[in-house]
Protein backbone atom coordinates (compact mmCIF):
# COMPACT_ATOMS: atom_id res chain seq x y z
CA MET A 1 0.00 0.00 0.00
CA LEU A 2 1.12 3.53 -0.71
CA GLN A 3 1.28 6.19 1.96
CA LYS A 4 -0.37 9.58 1.71
CA HIS A 5 0.25 12.02 4.53
CA GLY A 6 1.02 9.10 6.87
CA GLN A 7 -2.19 7.24 6.05
CA PRO A 8 -2.36 4.23 3.72
CA PHE A 9 -4.46 4.33 0.60
CA ARG A 10 -5.08 1.80 -2.15
CA ARG A 11 -4.22 2.06 -5.82
CA ALA A 12 -7.88 2.78 -6.62
CA SER A 13 -7.54 6.19 -4.99
CA LEU A 14 -4.28 6.75 -6.89
CA ALA A 15 -6.09 5.93 -10.13
CA ALA A 16 -8.94 8.24 -9.14
CA SER A 17 -6.48 11.08 -8.59
CA VAL A 18 -4.91 10.48 -12.01
CA VAL A 19 -8.36 10.56 -13.62
CA ALA A 20 -9.21 13.73 -11.69
CA MET A 21 -6.02 15.35 -12.98
CA ALA A 22 -6.88 14.27 -16.52
CA ARG A 23 -10.40 15.72 -16.58
CA PRO A 24 -10.83 18.59 -19.03
CA LEU A 25 -11.20 22.03 -17.54
CA PRO A 26 -14.46 23.97 -17.88
CA LYS A 27 -14.58 26.12 -21.02
CA SER A 28 -14.03 29.28 -18.98
CA GLU A 29 -10.74 27.89 -17.61
CA ARG A 30 -9.45 26.14 -20.74
CA ILE A 31 -6.02 27.11 -21.86
CA ARG A 32 -4.87 25.89 -25.22
CA THR A 33 -1.49 24.51 -24.32
CA GLY A 34 0.64 21.53 -25.13
CA VAL A 35 0.61 17.96 -24.01
CA VAL A 36 0.39 16.89 -20.36
CA GLU A 37 2.77 13.98 -19.73
CA TYR A 38 2.14 11.50 -16.90
CA GLY A 39 5.59 9.90 -16.88
CA LEU A 40 6.24 10.85 -13.25
CA VAL A 41 3.04 9.11 -12.15
CA ARG A 42 4.12 6.01 -14.10
CA HIS A 43 7.57 6.10 -12.53
CA ARG A 44 6.11 6.42 -9.03
CA LEU A 45 3.74 3.51 -9.61
CA VAL A 46 6.51 1.24 -10.96
CA GLU A 47 8.81 2.16 -8.06
CA SER A 48 6.02 1.43 -5.57
CA LEU A 49 5.59 -1.97 -7.20
CA ARG A 50 9.31 -2.73 -7.03
CA LYS A 51 9.48 -1.71 -3.37
CA GLY A 52 6.53 -3.97 -2.54
CA LYS A 53 4.19 -1.13 -1.58
CA VAL A 54 1.72 -2.20 -4.29
CA ARG A 55 0.88 -5.71 -5.45
CA ARG A 56 1.27 -6.76 -9.07
CA ASP A 57 -2.42 -7.62 -9.36
CA GLU A 58 -3.24 -4.02 -8.36
CA VAL A 59 -1.05 -2.68 -11.18
CA CYS A 60 -1.81 -5.20 -13.92
CA ASP A 61 -5.58 -4.78 -13.93
CA ALA A 62 -6.36 -3.38 -17.36
CA HIS A 63 -10.01 -3.44 -18.37
CA PRO A 64 -10.84 -6.07 -21.01
CA GLU A 65 -12.01 -3.35 -23.44
CA LEU A 66 -8.66 -1.57 -23.10
CA LEU A 67 -6.82 -4.82 -23.78
CA ARG A 68 -9.05 -5.49 -26.79
CA ALA A 69 -8.38 -2.00 -28.17
CA ALA A 70 -4.67 -2.45 -27.46
CA GLY A 71 -4.60 -5.73 -29.34
CA ASN A 72 -6.54 -4.44 -32.35
CA LEU A 73 -5.80 -0.71 -32.59
CA GLY A 74 -2.74 -0.10 -30.44
CA GLN A 75 0.42 1.35 -31.87
CA PRO A 76 3.54 -0.57 -30.73
CA THR A 77 5.97 1.38 -28.56
CA GLU A 78 9.72 1.02 -28.34
CA ARG A 79 9.57 0.44 -24.58
CA ALA A 80 9.26 -2.93 -22.89
CA CYS A 81 6.68 -3.38 -20.16
CA PRO A 82 8.09 -2.16 -16.84
CA VAL A 83 6.37 -5.06 -15.01
CA CYS A 84 6.91 -8.17 -17.13
CA ASP A 85 9.66 -6.90 -19.54
CA ALA A 86 7.66 -8.19 -22.52
CA PRO A 87 7.90 -6.19 -25.75
CA THR A 88 4.09 -6.15 -25.94
CA THR A 89 3.56 -2.55 -24.83
CA VAL A 90 1.28 -0.59 -27.12
CA GLU A 91 -0.33 2.83 -27.00
CA VAL A 92 -4.05 3.34 -27.47
CA THR A 93 -5.50 6.78 -28.12
CA TYR A 94 -9.02 7.72 -27.05
CA VAL A 95 -10.70 10.89 -28.33
CA PHE A 96 -13.73 12.45 -26.61
CA GLY A 97 -15.78 15.41 -27.77
CA ALA A 98 -19.05 16.71 -29.11
CA LYS A 99 -20.65 14.70 -31.92
CA LEU A 100 -18.53 11.65 -31.04
CA PRO A 101 -19.84 8.47 -29.38
CA SER A 102 -20.36 8.82 -25.62
CA GLY A 103 -17.57 6.30 -24.98
CA GLY A 104 -15.21 8.23 -27.23
CA THR A 105 -13.50 6.84 -30.27
CA CYS A 106 -10.18 5.07 -30.85
CA PRO A 107 -8.54 6.26 -34.06
CA SER A 108 -6.82 3.36 -35.79
CA THR A 109 -4.35 5.41 -37.84
CA LYS A 110 -2.35 8.57 -37.41
CA ALA A 111 -4.30 10.11 -40.30
CA GLU A 112 -7.60 9.47 -38.52
CA LEU A 113 -6.22 11.01 -35.31
CA ALA A 114 -5.01 14.06 -37.25
CA ARG A 115 -8.48 14.42 -38.80
CA LEU A 116 -10.10 14.32 -35.35
CA GLU A 117 -7.59 16.88 -34.04
CA ARG A 118 -8.55 19.29 -36.85
CA ARG A 119 -12.27 19.22 -36.04
CA GLU A 120 -14.21 22.41 -35.58
CA ASP A 121 -15.50 21.12 -32.23
CA PRO A 122 -12.91 20.78 -29.45
CA VAL A 123 -11.79 17.30 -28.45
CA VAL A 124 -9.77 15.87 -25.59
CA CYS A 125 -7.30 13.12 -26.45
CA TYR A 126 -5.86 10.54 -24.06
CA ALA A 127 -2.95 8.22 -24.89
CA VAL A 128 -2.93 5.11 -22.69
CA GLU A 129 0.05 2.76 -22.60
CA ALA A 130 -0.95 -0.88 -22.08
CA CYS A 131 0.83 -4.22 -21.98
CA THR A 132 -1.18 -6.92 -23.70
CA GLY A 133 0.91 -9.54 -21.91
CA CYS A 134 0.37 -8.77 -18.22
CA GLY A 135 -2.34 -6.07 -18.27
CA PHE A 136 -0.23 -3.16 -16.98
CA HIS A 137 -1.62 0.19 -18.10
CA HIS A 138 -1.34 3.88 -17.34
CA LEU A 139 -2.33 7.24 -18.73
CA ALA A 140 0.68 8.40 -20.73
CA ARG A 141 -0.46 11.75 -22.18
CA LYS A 142 -3.44 14.05 -22.45
CA TRP A 143 -3.96 16.93 -24.85
CA GLN A 144 -6.71 19.10 -26.24
CA ALA A 145 -7.23 19.67 -29.93
CA GLY A 146 -9.83 20.88 -32.37
CA GLY A 147 -11.97 23.89 -31.70
CA ARG A 148 -10.67 25.67 -34.75
CA ALA A 149 -13.13 27.05 -37.23
CA THR A 150 -12.75 25.65 -40.71
CA ARG A 151 -12.35 28.07 -43.60
CA ARG A 152 -15.86 27.30 -44.78
CA ALA A 153 -17.38 27.97 -41.32
CA ALA A 154 -15.36 31.18 -40.89
CA LYS A 155 -16.46 32.35 -44.33
CA GLN A 156 -20.13 31.64 -43.51
CA ARG A 157 -19.87 33.60 -40.25
CA ALA A 158 -18.28 36.57 -42.03
CA GLN A 159 -21.15 36.83 -44.51
């Protein structure tokens, strides 16, 4: 178990804090900036596992849908899994936004992701690293895209 201010807490609360950090800001507070990397969170989790503060089954608990997306749509990474050392680590991108399915969409190619990032409506993109061998997963990056008026829409507004 990890320690927080002297009190133990389970990985579930760590995952909840990562999700809370990854939530998009309200429109009034949105700042169009770069990519948010979660490498330090990954490093802390792997170190906690190596020190025995977290059990392997608490870390390698990827949802079956994530593993299915990783197996079918994931882009292979150059890094081996930090838990099982297997070269089966892939990255799955999820895109959420208006006029997209409520569960988001997983672009299967870089061209499809680029098309989604150029949308007129803003989108939030999440890149999740997952090991299809042992089930290790973590949020790798988050970024906002879209929200740019197309030439056609800008021309219609000007008229």
